[in-house]
N, C-alpha and C. Protein backbone atom coordinates (compact mmCIF):
# COMPACT_ATOMS: atom_id res chain seq x y z
N MET A 1 10.89 0.39 2.72
CA MET A 1 9.77 -0.50 3.60
C MET A 1 9.41 -1.27 2.86
N ARG A 2 9.12 -2.46 3.44
CA ARG A 2 8.05 -3.75 2.65
C ARG A 2 7.09 -3.80 4.32
N VAL A 3 5.68 -3.98 3.40
CA VAL A 3 4.88 -3.79 3.93
C VAL A 3 3.52 -5.34 3.64
N CYS A 4 2.77 -5.57 4.42
CA CYS A 4 1.97 -6.46 3.88
C CYS A 4 0.34 -6.03 3.99
N PHE A 5 -0.57 -5.89 3.35
CA PHE A 5 -1.60 -5.93 3.63
C PHE A 5 -2.63 -7.54 3.59
N HIS A 6 -3.70 -7.35 4.07
CA HIS A 6 -4.30 -8.72 4.40
C HIS A 6 -6.01 -8.26 3.77
N GLY A 7 -6.55 -9.05 2.91
CA GLY A 7 -8.19 -8.34 2.48
C GLY A 7 -8.59 -9.41 1.57
N THR A 8 -9.79 -9.00 1.38
CA THR A 8 -10.43 -9.70 0.14
C THR A 8 -9.43 -9.44 -1.08
N ASP A 9 -10.63 -10.05 -2.30
CA ASP A 9 -9.98 -10.30 -3.73
C ASP A 9 -10.07 -8.46 -4.10
N GLU A 10 -11.44 -7.67 -3.59
CA GLU A 10 -12.12 -6.43 -4.01
C GLU A 10 -10.77 -5.76 -3.55
N GLU A 11 -10.45 -5.68 -1.87
CA GLU A 11 -9.81 -4.57 -1.43
C GLU A 11 -8.44 -4.89 -1.76
N ILE A 12 -7.84 -5.91 -2.11
CA ILE A 12 -6.06 -5.80 -2.67
C ILE A 12 -6.32 -5.57 -3.99
N THR A 13 -7.24 -5.56 -4.96
CA THR A 13 -7.64 -4.79 -5.84
C THR A 13 -7.70 -3.35 -5.72
N ARG A 14 -7.92 -2.98 -4.92
CA ARG A 14 -8.18 -1.61 -4.86
C ARG A 14 -6.78 -1.36 -4.24
N ILE A 15 -6.27 -1.61 -3.80
CA ILE A 15 -4.59 -1.44 -3.48
C ILE A 15 -3.91 -0.93 -4.82
N CYS A 16 -4.35 -2.73 -5.13
CA CYS A 16 -3.29 -2.17 -6.97
C CYS A 16 -3.16 -1.63 -7.49
N GLN A 17 -4.13 -0.74 -7.66
CA GLN A 17 -4.82 -0.03 -8.91
C GLN A 17 -4.50 1.76 -8.48
N ARG A 18 -4.11 1.93 -7.08
CA ARG A 18 -3.58 3.03 -7.04
C ARG A 18 -1.85 3.05 -7.21
N PRO A 19 -1.77 4.08 -7.96
CA PRO A 19 -0.45 4.63 -8.10
C PRO A 19 0.18 4.93 -6.58
N VAL A 20 -0.15 5.39 -6.00
CA VAL A 20 -0.11 6.30 -4.43
C VAL A 20 -0.74 6.18 -3.48
N LEU A 21 -0.41 5.41 -2.81
CA LEU A 21 -1.14 5.45 -1.38
C LEU A 21 -1.03 6.64 -0.20
N ALA A 22 -1.92 6.87 0.35
CA ALA A 22 -1.51 8.35 1.92
C ALA A 22 -1.99 7.27 2.86
N MET A 23 -0.75 7.51 4.00
CA MET A 23 -1.08 6.72 5.54
C MET A 23 -1.36 7.94 6.19
N VAL A 24 -2.05 7.68 6.96
CA VAL A 24 -2.37 8.66 8.22
C VAL A 24 -1.39 8.58 9.45
N GLY A 25 -0.44 9.23 9.64
CA GLY A 25 0.17 9.44 10.53
C GLY A 25 -0.36 9.20 12.22
N PRO A 26 0.70 9.92 12.99
CA PRO A 26 0.09 9.73 14.55
C PRO A 26 0.03 11.40 14.71
N ARG A 27 -0.54 11.80 15.27
CA ARG A 27 -0.29 13.47 16.01
C ARG A 27 0.30 13.92 15.87
N HIS A 28 1.57 12.89 16.19
CA HIS A 28 2.79 14.02 16.51
C HIS A 28 3.78 13.93 15.43
N ALA A 29 3.61 12.94 14.40
CA ALA A 29 4.49 12.93 13.36
C ALA A 29 3.97 13.36 12.16
N GLN A 30 4.08 13.67 11.04
CA GLN A 30 3.55 14.12 9.80
C GLN A 30 2.16 13.48 9.59
N PRO A 31 0.98 13.97 9.19
CA PRO A 31 -0.15 13.57 9.23
C PRO A 31 -0.81 12.91 8.33
N VAL A 32 -0.02 13.23 7.09
CA VAL A 32 -0.31 12.26 6.17
C VAL A 32 1.11 12.16 4.91
N VAL A 33 1.35 10.70 4.73
CA VAL A 33 2.44 10.35 4.14
C VAL A 33 2.13 9.61 2.50
N ALA A 34 2.66 10.22 1.35
CA ALA A 34 2.18 9.03 -0.25
C ALA A 34 3.54 8.44 -0.19
N PHE A 35 3.32 7.59 -0.52
CA PHE A 35 4.09 5.98 -0.89
C PHE A 35 3.57 5.82 -2.55
N GLU A 36 4.42 5.09 -2.87
CA GLU A 36 4.32 4.07 -4.23
C GLU A 36 4.28 2.61 -3.96
N LEU A 37 4.04 1.92 -4.60
CA LEU A 37 4.23 0.75 -4.34
C LEU A 37 5.39 -0.14 -5.22
N PHE A 38 6.50 -0.78 -5.05
CA PHE A 38 6.96 -1.44 -5.37
C PHE A 38 7.28 -3.19 -5.07
N ASN A 39 7.94 -4.17 -6.52
CA ASN A 39 7.79 -5.26 -6.01
C ASN A 39 6.68 -6.03 -5.76
N VAL A 40 5.48 -5.80 -6.60
CA VAL A 40 4.38 -6.39 -5.26
C VAL A 40 4.50 -8.02 -5.96
N SER A 41 3.84 -8.31 -4.81
CA SER A 41 3.43 -10.01 -5.01
C SER A 41 2.21 -9.88 -3.85
N VAL A 42 1.18 -11.05 -4.40
CA VAL A 42 -0.07 -11.82 -4.21
C VAL A 42 -0.08 -12.80 -3.93
N THR A 43 -0.86 -13.29 -2.65
CA THR A 43 -0.72 -14.83 -2.34
C THR A 43 -1.99 -15.14 -2.04
N THR A 44 -2.28 -15.81 -2.09
CA THR A 44 -3.76 -16.80 -1.03
C THR A 44 -3.59 -17.39 -0.22
N ASP A 45 -4.43 -17.14 1.16
CA ASP A 45 -4.52 -18.01 1.88
C ASP A 45 -4.55 -19.12 1.86
N PRO A 46 -4.13 -20.60 2.86
CA PRO A 46 -4.61 -21.99 2.40
C PRO A 46 -6.17 -22.02 2.20
N TYR A 47 -7.12 -20.74 2.96
CA TYR A 47 -8.83 -21.43 2.87
C TYR A 47 -8.94 -20.49 1.53
N GLY A 48 -8.04 -19.77 0.90
CA GLY A 48 -8.84 -19.22 -0.37
C GLY A 48 -9.61 -17.92 -0.15
N SER A 49 -10.23 -17.33 1.48
CA SER A 49 -11.09 -16.52 1.24
C SER A 49 -10.38 -15.00 1.47
N LEU A 50 -8.89 -14.89 1.89
CA LEU A 50 -8.26 -13.81 1.80
C LEU A 50 -6.89 -13.56 0.90
N PHE A 51 -6.55 -12.61 0.66
CA PHE A 51 -5.43 -12.74 -0.25
C PHE A 51 -4.15 -11.44 0.99
N ARG A 52 -2.86 -11.66 0.39
CA ARG A 52 -1.94 -10.73 1.03
C ARG A 52 -1.29 -10.56 0.10
N LEU A 53 -1.05 -8.96 0.06
CA LEU A 53 -0.28 -8.28 -0.88
C LEU A 53 0.97 -8.40 -0.32
N ALA A 54 2.01 -8.19 -0.66
CA ALA A 54 3.48 -7.92 0.02
C ALA A 54 4.09 -6.96 -1.22
N ALA A 55 4.31 -5.96 -1.08
CA ALA A 55 5.30 -4.29 -1.42
C ALA A 55 6.15 -4.09 -0.85
N ASP A 56 6.97 -3.36 -1.48
CA ASP A 56 7.81 -2.20 -1.07
C ASP A 56 7.64 -0.93 -1.20
N LEU A 57 7.61 0.57 -0.23
CA LEU A 57 6.95 1.38 -0.21
C LEU A 57 8.12 2.29 -0.23
N THR A 58 7.84 3.42 -0.53
CA THR A 58 8.98 4.34 -1.49
C THR A 58 8.44 5.42 -1.10
N GLU A 59 8.62 6.73 0.03
CA GLU A 59 8.26 7.35 0.02
C GLU A 59 7.65 8.35 -1.01
N VAL A 60 6.79 9.24 -1.41
CA VAL A 60 6.77 10.16 -2.56
C VAL A 60 7.43 11.53 -1.90
N HIS A 61 7.61 12.56 -2.47
CA HIS A 61 7.94 13.54 -2.03
C HIS A 61 6.95 14.70 -2.28
N ARG A 62 6.66 15.81 -1.65
CA ARG A 62 5.33 16.67 -2.19
C ARG A 62 5.67 17.27 -3.60
N GLU A 63 6.84 17.26 -3.86
CA GLU A 63 7.35 17.89 -5.16
C GLU A 63 6.87 16.68 -6.49
N GLU A 64 7.05 15.58 -6.32
CA GLU A 64 6.96 14.71 -7.01
C GLU A 64 5.26 14.34 -6.89
N VAL A 65 4.33 14.76 -6.11
CA VAL A 65 3.09 14.65 -6.13
C VAL A 65 2.49 15.58 -7.14
N ASN A 66 2.76 17.19 -7.05
CA ASN A 66 2.25 17.53 -7.75
C ASN A 66 2.50 18.18 -8.99
N GLU A 67 3.67 17.53 -9.17
CA GLU A 67 4.28 16.87 -11.61
C GLU A 67 3.15 16.65 -11.74
């Protein structure tokens, strides 16, 4: 799955420093899903105040997280 995050330099740096991201799902779905980022690219907006991080997400299965 390809996703984009928009944020300040500090926010994008925090995302890039984490090897695994956790996303909270809706009530009827799995409550928390862990993902790893791959093929990360960071660009800046024309005004230079925000950054855009684009990345592929791969779901990490519970067995892989516990290793």
